[in-house]
């Protein structure tokens, strides 16, 4: 009896060889099984061709038959394995690569696949996986817009919240493709029905939207709210933001007005208000900062103006004066939004959650020498959200894909369909079909470590 310690690497290698033999036997058996059925359908075998594909269990080379009836050519083995024409990687492998890429740089994904699976890929393979995911995201958005028209209350029960919370903010990442614009903004919205206390607070009925296209993100946010929440005259809508460009009180008022709620409360995020006060008043005596915070706490607008005027009188630089005046005007204009939720009988729980919700995106996409193209940032940020909600696998393998193919076939065979005006903006309550996106080309994603 051999008493040497087991070499797991050699044992794993033997298992892989056994797997390969089992795979080839399965292909051979399926070829024999499907042949009578193909002949019964009127197909004739025209030839056999070799194909090499990298699966999640390793690289496999196999021979399969091609069948033809009229102008139609089918390869049953490829259909059985879920392989696309001229695709070198299986869908399962592309899904796993995409999942890993949501947590680590591309080169680390390559190293992990080699270490754990003895599968040898390159950084370009990871880019390709994200390209495929990006295309599927586009198709899923189109599918959702087509299928939403057939929804009924019985088919999909909506959440009926007493209070609906909506927040929005931008995430800035470094840009790789534009020398003039060194940063790229990801528009990020979060909507939920409240915060549930526990060891870690959980946002209930949470939905998220992220996109490199601001208007598209707003449209999708409205779609999601309309599709998933039942808002009536008894619903309160609470919104919160840092007041930056694209996230002003006016923007959220327009959003709330689209649903005619009982009441809409908007708040200027307390964290950003405190941060802005400290940043702009730090060059002055500390007493002014304390007075400013006290004025906001006591809802003393005139007292806050006195503090700001005093600080302004101490500024000597024209450049600094102009910047401080902009801040002062914004603070005075939006002073009413600096009040606490408790002043209106609301809880602060579930308000001011954007920074924590950003973290899963910023952890992966910011710092560490990361640079992104616009399409690359869009694909990565959206797959990160899908990974965190457990929906990424559905993107690759969900039933929606076969339903979408059926819809597209029906669309091709149906004449007289109304034309869609792709320049028309979203309006409620009618849900418009989203624009059909162009196919994502090569080199869509650029990430440099």
Protein backbone atom coordinates (compact mmCIF):
# COMPACT_ATOMS: atom_id res chain seq x y z
CA UNK A 1 0.00 0.00 0.00
CA UNK A 2 1.34 3.41 -0.99
CA UNK A 3 1.69 5.48 2.18
CA UNK A 4 2.77 8.69 0.41
CA UNK A 5 0.71 11.79 1.10
CA UNK A 6 -1.94 12.38 -1.53
CA UNK A 7 -0.93 14.97 -4.14
CA UNK A 8 -4.22 16.76 -4.63
CA UNK A 9 -3.01 18.41 -7.83
CA UNK A 10 -2.32 15.07 -9.51
CA UNK A 11 -5.59 13.64 -8.20
CA UNK A 12 -7.46 16.65 -9.55
CA UNK A 13 -5.74 16.18 -12.90
CA UNK A 14 -6.95 12.56 -13.04
CA UNK A 15 -10.48 13.68 -12.20
CA UNK A 16 -10.37 16.21 -15.03
CA UNK A 17 -9.27 13.48 -17.45
CA UNK A 18 -12.14 11.29 -16.26
CA UNK A 19 -14.52 14.22 -16.73
CA UNK A 20 -13.29 14.70 -20.28
CA UNK A 21 -13.88 11.02 -21.14
CA UNK A 22 -17.35 11.18 -19.56
CA UNK A 23 -18.15 14.34 -21.54
CA UNK A 24 -17.12 12.78 -24.84
CA UNK A 25 -19.19 9.66 -24.09
CA UNK A 26 -22.19 11.89 -23.34
CA UNK A 27 -21.77 13.66 -26.70
CA UNK A 28 -21.49 10.34 -28.53
CA UNK A 29 -24.60 8.98 -26.79
CA UNK A 30 -26.59 12.11 -27.55
CA UNK A 31 -25.57 12.00 -31.22
CA UNK A 32 -26.96 8.44 -31.48
CA UNK A 33 -30.12 9.34 -29.57
CA UNK A 34 -30.99 12.46 -31.57
CA UNK A 35 -30.27 11.03 -35.06
CA UNK A 36 -33.63 9.17 -35.51
CA UNK A 37 -35.55 12.23 -34.35
CA UNK A 38 -33.73 14.50 -36.80
CA UNK A 39 -34.40 12.12 -39.69
CA UNK A 40 -38.07 11.90 -38.70
CA UNK A 41 -38.24 15.69 -38.96
CA UNK A 42 -36.87 15.57 -42.50
CA UNK A 43 -33.25 16.53 -41.77
CA UNK A 44 -30.25 14.90 -43.43
CA UNK A 45 -26.79 14.63 -41.93
CA UNK A 46 -24.40 16.60 -44.15
CA UNK A 47 -21.10 16.26 -42.27
CA UNK A 48 -19.31 16.17 -38.93
CA UNK A 49 -17.06 18.94 -37.65
CA UNK A 50 -14.69 19.34 -34.75
CA UNK A 51 -15.15 22.12 -32.22
CA UNK A 52 -13.14 23.28 -29.21
CA UNK A 53 -14.91 25.07 -26.40
CA UNK A 54 -13.77 26.14 -22.93
CA UNK A 55 -16.43 25.11 -20.41
CA UNK A 56 -16.54 25.80 -16.67
CA UNK A 57 -15.04 22.32 -16.18
CA UNK A 58 -12.21 22.73 -18.69
CA UNK A 59 -11.35 22.88 -22.37
CA UNK A 60 -13.04 20.21 -24.50
CA UNK A 61 -12.57 19.21 -28.14
CA UNK A 62 -15.40 17.14 -29.63
CA UNK A 63 -16.95 16.16 -32.96
CA UNK A 64 -20.62 16.78 -33.72
CA UNK A 65 -22.95 16.32 -36.69
CA UNK A 66 -24.51 19.03 -38.83
CA UNK A 67 -28.03 18.44 -40.18
CA UNK A 68 -29.85 20.22 -42.98
CA UNK A 69 -33.44 20.52 -44.22
CA UNK A 70 -33.93 22.95 -47.07
CA UNK A 71 -32.08 26.13 -46.10
CA UNK A 72 -32.11 25.31 -42.39
CA UNK A 73 -28.94 23.93 -40.80
CA UNK A 74 -28.99 22.62 -37.24
CA UNK A 75 -26.31 21.27 -34.91
CA UNK A 76 -28.20 19.41 -32.14
CA UNK A 77 -25.14 18.95 -29.91
CA UNK A 78 -24.43 22.69 -29.91
CA UNK A 79 -28.08 23.32 -29.05
CA UNK A 80 -27.89 20.77 -26.22
CA UNK A 81 -24.78 22.47 -24.82
CA UNK A 82 -26.27 25.96 -25.18
CA UNK A 83 -23.45 27.10 -27.46
CA UNK A 84 -23.71 30.14 -29.68
CA UNK A 85 -22.25 29.96 -33.23
CA UNK A 86 -18.49 30.60 -33.30
CA UNK A 87 -18.47 31.01 -29.53
CA UNK A 88 -15.30 29.69 -27.90
CA UNK A 89 -16.61 29.94 -24.33
CA UNK A 90 -19.68 28.37 -22.76
CA UNK A 91 -22.37 30.57 -21.24
CA UNK A 92 -21.74 29.09 -17.81
CA UNK A 93 -18.07 30.02 -17.98
CA UNK A 94 -18.89 33.56 -19.14
CA UNK A 95 -21.35 33.89 -16.25
CA UNK A 96 -18.76 32.75 -13.71
CA UNK A 97 -16.13 35.10 -15.14
CA UNK A 98 -18.60 38.01 -14.98
CA UNK A 99 -19.46 37.17 -11.37
CA UNK A 100 -15.77 37.12 -10.39
CA UNK A 101 -15.07 40.36 -12.26
CA UNK A 102 -17.60 42.14 -10.02
CA UNK A 103 -15.25 41.63 -7.07
CA UNK A 104 -11.72 41.74 -8.48
CA UNK A 105 -9.66 43.23 -11.34
CA UNK A 106 -9.55 41.38 -14.65
CA UNK A 107 -6.03 40.03 -14.16
CA UNK A 108 -7.01 38.62 -10.76
CA UNK A 109 -9.93 36.82 -12.41
CA UNK A 110 -7.46 35.23 -14.83
CA UNK A 111 -5.26 34.10 -11.92
CA UNK A 112 -8.19 32.69 -9.91
CA UNK A 113 -9.52 30.67 -12.87
CA UNK A 114 -6.07 29.18 -13.40
CA UNK A 115 -5.52 28.41 -9.72
CA UNK A 116 -8.90 26.88 -8.89
CA UNK A 117 -10.05 25.41 -12.20
CA UNK A 118 -6.88 25.04 -14.27
CA UNK A 119 -8.67 27.02 -16.97
CA UNK A 120 -6.38 29.32 -18.93
CA UNK A 121 -7.96 32.54 -20.11
CA UNK A 122 -6.71 36.09 -20.70
CA UNK A 123 -7.74 39.57 -19.69
CA UNK A 124 -9.46 39.87 -23.07
CA UNK A 125 -11.64 36.89 -22.14
CA UNK A 126 -12.88 38.78 -19.08
CA UNK A 127 -13.57 41.81 -21.27
CA UNK A 128 -15.52 39.59 -23.65
CA UNK A 129 -17.61 38.22 -20.79
CA UNK A 130 -18.55 41.76 -19.78
CA UNK A 131 -19.41 42.55 -23.40
CA UNK A 132 -21.80 39.61 -23.46
CA UNK A 133 -23.31 40.71 -20.13
CA UNK A 134 -23.73 44.25 -21.48
CA UNK A 135 -25.56 42.98 -24.56
CA UNK A 136 -27.82 40.82 -22.39
CA UNK A 137 -28.60 43.84 -20.19
CA UNK A 138 -29.71 45.76 -23.29
CA UNK A 139 -31.88 42.86 -24.43
CA UNK A 140 -33.37 42.42 -20.93
CA UNK A 141 -34.32 46.11 -20.81
CA UNK A 142 -36.03 45.79 -24.19
CA UNK A 143 -37.78 42.60 -23.07
CA UNK A 144 -39.03 44.31 -19.90
CA UNK A 145 -40.41 47.23 -21.90
CA UNK A 146 -42.20 44.87 -24.30
CA UNK A 147 -43.61 42.56 -21.63
CA UNK A 148 -44.74 45.24 -19.16
CA UNK A 149 -47.69 46.10 -21.41
CA UNK A 150 -49.17 42.63 -20.79
CA UNK A 151 -48.88 42.78 -17.00
CA UNK A 152 -52.07 42.80 -14.94
CA UNK A 153 -52.68 43.24 -11.26
CA UNK A 154 -53.33 39.48 -10.97
CA UNK A 155 -50.08 38.58 -12.72
CA UNK A 156 -47.86 40.79 -10.57
CA UNK A 157 -48.84 41.97 -7.13
CA UNK A 158 -47.42 45.39 -6.32
CA UNK A 159 -46.02 46.53 -2.99
CA UNK A 160 -48.28 49.06 -1.28
CA UNK A 161 -46.00 51.15 0.98
CA UNK A 162 -47.17 53.69 3.52
CA UNK A 163 -43.98 55.63 2.83
CA UNK A 164 -41.85 55.33 -0.31
CA UNK A 165 -38.24 56.49 0.00
CA UNK A 166 -36.26 57.63 -3.04
CA UNK A 167 -32.64 58.80 -3.08
CA UNK A 168 -30.20 59.64 -5.83
CA UNK A 169 -26.57 60.60 -6.20
CA UNK A 170 -23.72 60.38 -8.69
CA UNK A 171 -20.63 58.16 -8.49
CA UNK A 172 -17.54 59.48 -10.28
CA UNK A 173 -14.97 57.10 -11.75
CA UNK A 174 -11.87 57.72 -13.85
CA UNK A 175 -12.42 57.77 -17.58
CA UNK A 176 -10.10 56.11 -20.09
CA UNK A 177 -11.36 57.25 -23.50
CA UNK A 178 -11.68 61.03 -23.27
CA UNK A 179 -8.67 63.22 -22.49
CA UNK A 180 -10.84 66.32 -21.95
CA UNK A 181 -13.26 64.64 -19.56
CA UNK A 182 -11.13 62.74 -17.07
CA UNK A 183 -14.08 61.54 -14.98
CA UNK A 184 -17.30 59.72 -15.75
CA UNK A 185 -20.51 59.94 -13.71
CA UNK A 186 -22.63 56.92 -12.85
CA UNK A 187 -26.18 57.99 -11.99
CA UNK A 188 -27.39 55.91 -9.03
CA UNK A 189 -30.94 55.85 -7.62
CA UNK A 190 -32.28 53.75 -4.75
CA UNK A 191 -35.96 53.28 -3.87
CA UNK A 192 -37.33 51.31 -0.88
CA UNK A 193 -40.29 51.13 1.50
CA UNK A 194 -38.44 51.51 4.81
CA UNK A 195 -35.65 50.19 6.99
CA UNK A 196 -35.99 46.98 9.03
CA UNK A 197 -33.88 46.89 12.19
CA UNK A 198 -31.64 43.96 13.00
CA UNK A 199 -27.95 43.24 13.44
CA UNK A 200 -27.67 45.17 10.21
CA UNK A 201 -30.50 47.37 9.04
CA UNK A 202 -32.12 46.07 5.86
CA UNK A 203 -33.92 48.22 3.29
CA UNK A 204 -37.27 46.64 2.49
CA UNK A 205 -38.52 46.15 -1.08
CA UNK A 206 -35.35 47.80 -2.33
CA UNK A 207 -34.76 48.51 -6.01
CA UNK A 208 -31.72 50.17 -7.55
CA UNK A 209 -30.89 51.85 -10.84
CA UNK A 210 -27.43 52.72 -12.10
CA UNK A 211 -26.42 54.01 -15.53
CA UNK A 212 -23.88 56.21 -17.28
CA UNK A 213 -26.88 57.89 -18.97
CA UNK A 214 -28.63 60.25 -16.56
CA UNK A 215 -31.95 60.53 -18.42
CA UNK A 216 -32.09 56.79 -19.02
CA UNK A 217 -31.58 56.18 -15.30
CA UNK A 218 -34.44 58.57 -14.46
CA UNK A 219 -36.73 56.87 -16.96
CA UNK A 220 -35.92 53.44 -15.59
CA UNK A 221 -36.49 54.66 -12.03
CA UNK A 222 -39.99 55.81 -12.98
CA UNK A 223 -40.60 52.47 -14.73
CA UNK A 224 -39.57 50.49 -11.64
CA UNK A 225 -41.68 52.57 -9.26
CA UNK A 226 -44.71 52.27 -11.49
CA UNK A 227 -44.27 48.52 -12.03
CA UNK A 228 -43.44 47.46 -8.46
CA UNK A 229 -45.22 49.90 -6.12
CA UNK A 230 -48.89 50.75 -5.70
CA UNK A 231 -48.88 54.47 -4.87
CA UNK A 232 -52.15 56.22 -4.11
CA UNK A 233 -53.46 59.32 -2.32
CA UNK A 234 -52.55 57.80 1.06
CA UNK A 235 -48.85 57.26 0.23
CA UNK A 236 -46.08 59.54 1.49
CA UNK A 237 -43.02 59.98 -0.71
CA UNK A 238 -39.78 60.93 1.03
CA UNK A 239 -36.78 61.94 -1.08
CA UNK A 240 -33.23 62.77 -0.07
CA UNK A 241 -30.16 63.98 -1.99
CA UNK A 242 -27.03 66.08 -1.74
CA UNK A 243 -28.59 68.78 -3.92
CA UNK A 244 -26.00 68.46 -6.68
CA UNK A 245 -26.63 68.88 -10.38
CA UNK A 246 -29.32 66.43 -11.48
CA UNK A 247 -30.39 65.73 -7.88
CA UNK A 248 -31.98 69.05 -6.90
CA UNK A 249 -35.24 69.36 -4.92
CA UNK A 250 -36.98 70.31 -8.19
CA UNK A 251 -35.98 67.01 -9.83
CA UNK A 252 -37.44 64.96 -6.97
CA UNK A 253 -40.57 67.14 -6.82
CA UNK A 254 -41.25 66.37 -10.48
CA UNK A 255 -40.74 62.67 -9.77
CA UNK A 256 -43.13 62.68 -6.80
CA UNK A 257 -45.76 64.73 -8.64
CA UNK A 258 -45.93 62.04 -11.32
CA UNK A 259 -47.56 59.70 -8.76
CA UNK A 260 -49.88 62.15 -6.93
CA UNK A 261 -48.98 61.04 -3.38
CA UNK A 262 -50.60 62.27 -0.19
CA UNK A 263 -47.51 64.31 0.65
CA UNK A 264 -43.94 64.71 -0.57
CA UNK A 265 -41.07 65.56 1.78
CA UNK A 266 -37.62 66.33 0.41
CA UNK A 267 -34.47 66.58 2.55
CA UNK A 268 -31.01 67.89 1.81
CA UNK A 269 -28.85 65.02 3.01
CA UNK A 270 -27.63 65.86 6.54
CA UNK A 271 -24.19 64.31 5.97
CA UNK A 272 -23.56 66.49 2.92
CA UNK A 273 -24.91 69.63 4.63
CA UNK A 274 -22.52 69.13 7.56
CA UNK A 275 -19.66 68.35 5.18
CA UNK A 276 -20.33 71.48 3.11
CA UNK A 277 -20.51 73.72 6.20
CA UNK A 278 -17.21 72.39 7.58
CA UNK A 279 -15.48 72.68 4.21
CA UNK A 280 -16.60 76.26 3.49
CA UNK A 281 -16.34 77.65 7.03
CA UNK A 282 -13.16 75.86 8.16
CA UNK A 283 -10.84 78.79 7.16
CA UNK A 284 -12.70 81.06 9.59
CA UNK A 285 -12.87 81.18 13.40
CA UNK A 286 -14.36 77.97 14.83
CA UNK A 287 -17.13 79.97 16.46
CA UNK A 288 -18.70 80.63 13.06
CA UNK A 289 -18.95 76.90 12.30
CA UNK A 290 -20.63 76.25 15.65
CA UNK A 291 -23.04 79.15 15.13
CA UNK A 292 -23.95 77.84 11.67
CA UNK A 293 -24.77 74.37 13.00
CA UNK A 294 -26.76 75.92 15.84
CA UNK A 295 -28.74 78.10 13.43
CA UNK A 296 -29.70 75.08 11.31
CA UNK A 297 -30.63 73.05 14.37
CA UNK A 298 -32.83 75.89 15.75
CA UNK A 299 -34.27 76.64 12.26
CA UNK A 300 -32.90 80.18 12.50
CA UNK A 301 -32.53 81.24 8.86
CA UNK A 302 -31.70 84.88 9.67
CA UNK A 303 -29.06 83.75 12.17
CA UNK A 304 -27.49 81.51 9.50
CA UNK A 305 -27.42 84.42 7.05
CA UNK A 306 -25.61 86.54 9.63
CA UNK A 307 -22.95 83.83 9.98
CA UNK A 308 -22.52 83.56 6.21
CA UNK A 309 -22.32 87.35 5.78
CA UNK A 310 -19.69 87.56 8.52
CA UNK A 311 -17.60 84.87 6.87
CA UNK A 312 -17.97 86.51 3.47
CA UNK A 313 -16.67 89.81 4.83
CA UNK A 314 -13.44 88.07 5.89
CA UNK A 315 -12.63 86.74 2.41
CA UNK A 316 -9.99 88.69 0.48
CA UNK A 317 -9.52 86.55 -2.65
CA UNK A 318 -12.00 87.21 -5.49
CA UNK A 319 -11.86 83.56 -6.55
CA UNK A 320 -12.63 82.30 -3.05
CA UNK A 321 -15.32 84.94 -2.64
CA UNK A 322 -17.15 83.79 -5.78
CA UNK A 323 -17.07 80.15 -4.66
CA UNK A 324 -18.27 81.02 -1.15
CA UNK A 325 -21.12 83.15 -2.52
CA UNK A 326 -22.31 80.21 -4.64
CA UNK A 327 -22.36 78.01 -1.56
CA UNK A 328 -24.11 80.71 0.49
CA UNK A 329 -26.82 81.21 -2.14
CA UNK A 330 -27.46 77.47 -2.39
CA UNK A 331 -27.67 77.07 1.38
CA UNK A 332 -30.10 79.95 1.83
CA UNK A 333 -32.22 78.92 -1.14
CA UNK A 334 -32.56 75.33 0.09
CA UNK A 335 -32.58 76.10 3.82
CA UNK A 336 -36.04 74.55 4.29
CA UNK A 337 -34.72 71.19 3.10
CA UNK A 338 -32.12 71.07 5.90
CA UNK A 339 -34.78 70.32 8.54
CA UNK A 340 -34.80 66.95 10.29
CA UNK A 341 -37.37 64.26 9.35
CA UNK A 342 -38.47 64.12 12.99
CA UNK A 343 -39.85 67.66 12.61
CA UNK A 344 -42.50 66.20 10.30
CA UNK A 345 -43.25 63.15 12.39
CA UNK A 346 -40.95 60.92 10.30
CA UNK A 347 -38.13 58.64 11.36
CA UNK A 348 -34.57 59.15 10.11
CA UNK A 349 -34.22 55.40 9.60
CA UNK A 350 -33.97 54.63 5.91
CA UNK A 351 -32.99 58.21 5.01
CA UNK A 352 -29.45 59.11 3.99
CA UNK A 353 -28.50 55.64 2.75
CA UNK A 354 -26.81 56.55 -0.55
CA UNK A 355 -23.21 56.51 0.65
CA UNK A 356 -23.56 52.96 1.99
CA UNK A 357 -25.36 51.88 -1.19
CA UNK A 358 -22.54 53.35 -3.31
CA UNK A 359 -19.99 51.19 -1.53
CA UNK A 360 -20.45 48.00 -3.54
CA UNK A 361 -19.83 50.01 -6.73
CA UNK A 362 -17.02 52.24 -5.50
CA UNK A 363 -15.15 49.35 -3.88
CA UNK A 364 -14.82 47.70 -7.29
CA UNK A 365 -14.62 50.66 -9.65
CA UNK A 366 -12.72 53.43 -7.86
CA UNK A 367 -9.03 53.83 -6.95
CA UNK A 368 -6.43 51.08 -7.52
CA UNK A 369 -5.62 52.55 -10.94
CA UNK A 370 -9.02 51.77 -12.46
CA UNK A 371 -9.97 53.51 -15.72
CA UNK A 372 -13.27 52.90 -17.52
CA UNK A 373 -14.86 53.50 -20.89
CA UNK A 374 -18.47 54.64 -20.78
CA UNK A 375 -19.88 51.31 -21.96
CA UNK A 376 -17.52 49.39 -19.71
CA UNK A 377 -18.55 51.37 -16.63
CA UNK A 378 -22.20 50.89 -17.52
CA UNK A 379 -21.86 47.10 -17.85
CA UNK A 380 -19.74 46.67 -14.73
CA UNK A 381 -21.95 48.82 -12.47
CA UNK A 382 -25.14 47.07 -13.57
CA UNK A 383 -23.73 43.56 -13.21
CA UNK A 384 -22.53 44.52 -9.72
CA UNK A 385 -26.11 45.38 -8.76
CA UNK A 386 -27.37 42.12 -10.28
CA UNK A 387 -24.72 40.13 -8.37
CA UNK A 388 -25.77 41.70 -5.06
CA UNK A 389 -29.46 40.93 -5.65
CA UNK A 390 -28.77 37.38 -6.89
CA UNK A 391 -30.16 38.14 -10.35
CA UNK A 392 -27.00 37.87 -12.44
CA UNK A 393 -27.57 34.20 -13.22
CA UNK A 394 -31.08 34.99 -14.43
CA UNK A 395 -29.55 37.52 -16.84
CA UNK A 396 -27.60 34.69 -18.51
CA UNK A 397 -30.01 31.76 -18.14
CA UNK A 398 -33.46 33.13 -17.27
CA UNK A 399 -36.63 32.11 -19.14
CA UNK A 400 -36.88 35.69 -20.36
CA UNK A 401 -34.30 34.88 -23.07
CA UNK A 402 -36.49 32.33 -24.85
CA UNK A 403 -39.53 34.59 -24.39
CA UNK A 404 -37.58 37.51 -25.84
CA UNK A 405 -36.53 35.46 -28.89
CA UNK A 406 -40.19 34.55 -29.45
CA UNK A 407 -41.21 38.21 -29.18
CA UNK A 408 -38.56 39.28 -31.69
CA UNK A 409 -39.63 36.55 -34.12
CA UNK A 410 -43.26 37.67 -33.81
CA UNK A 411 -42.20 41.27 -34.30
CA UNK A 412 -40.36 40.38 -37.52
CA UNK A 413 -43.40 38.52 -38.84
CA UNK A 414 -45.89 41.26 -37.91
CA UNK A 415 -46.41 44.14 -40.29
CA UNK A 416 -48.01 47.48 -39.59
CA UNK A 417 -46.51 47.97 -36.14
CA UNK A 418 -46.56 51.61 -34.95
CA UNK A 419 -43.24 53.40 -35.24
CA UNK A 420 -41.49 54.31 -32.03
CA UNK A 421 -40.24 57.86 -31.71
CA UNK A 422 -36.85 57.35 -30.09
CA UNK A 423 -36.53 61.07 -29.33
CA UNK A 424 -39.69 61.19 -27.24
CA UNK A 425 -39.13 61.45 -23.49
CA UNK A 426 -40.77 59.29 -20.87
CA UNK A 427 -44.21 60.32 -19.68
CA UNK A 428 -46.48 58.83 -17.04
CA UNK A 429 -48.76 56.99 -16.72
CA UNK A 430 -48.09 55.44 -20.15
CA UNK A 431 -44.99 53.28 -20.31
CA UNK A 432 -43.02 53.71 -23.50
CA UNK A 433 -40.91 51.08 -25.12
CA UNK A 434 -37.28 51.89 -24.49
CA UNK A 435 -34.98 52.57 -27.38
CA UNK A 436 -33.51 49.55 -29.12
CA UNK A 437 -29.85 49.77 -28.29
CA UNK A 438 -27.04 49.35 -30.78
CA UNK A 439 -24.99 46.21 -30.44
CA UNK A 440 -22.00 46.60 -28.24
CA UNK A 441 -18.87 46.59 -30.31
CA UNK A 442 -15.42 45.30 -29.60
CA UNK A 443 -13.18 46.91 -27.00
CA UNK A 444 -16.21 48.12 -25.11
CA UNK A 445 -14.44 47.85 -21.79
CA UNK A 446 -11.13 49.29 -20.84
CA UNK A 447 -9.80 48.63 -17.37
CA UNK A 448 -6.19 49.26 -16.48
CA UNK A 449 -4.70 47.98 -13.26
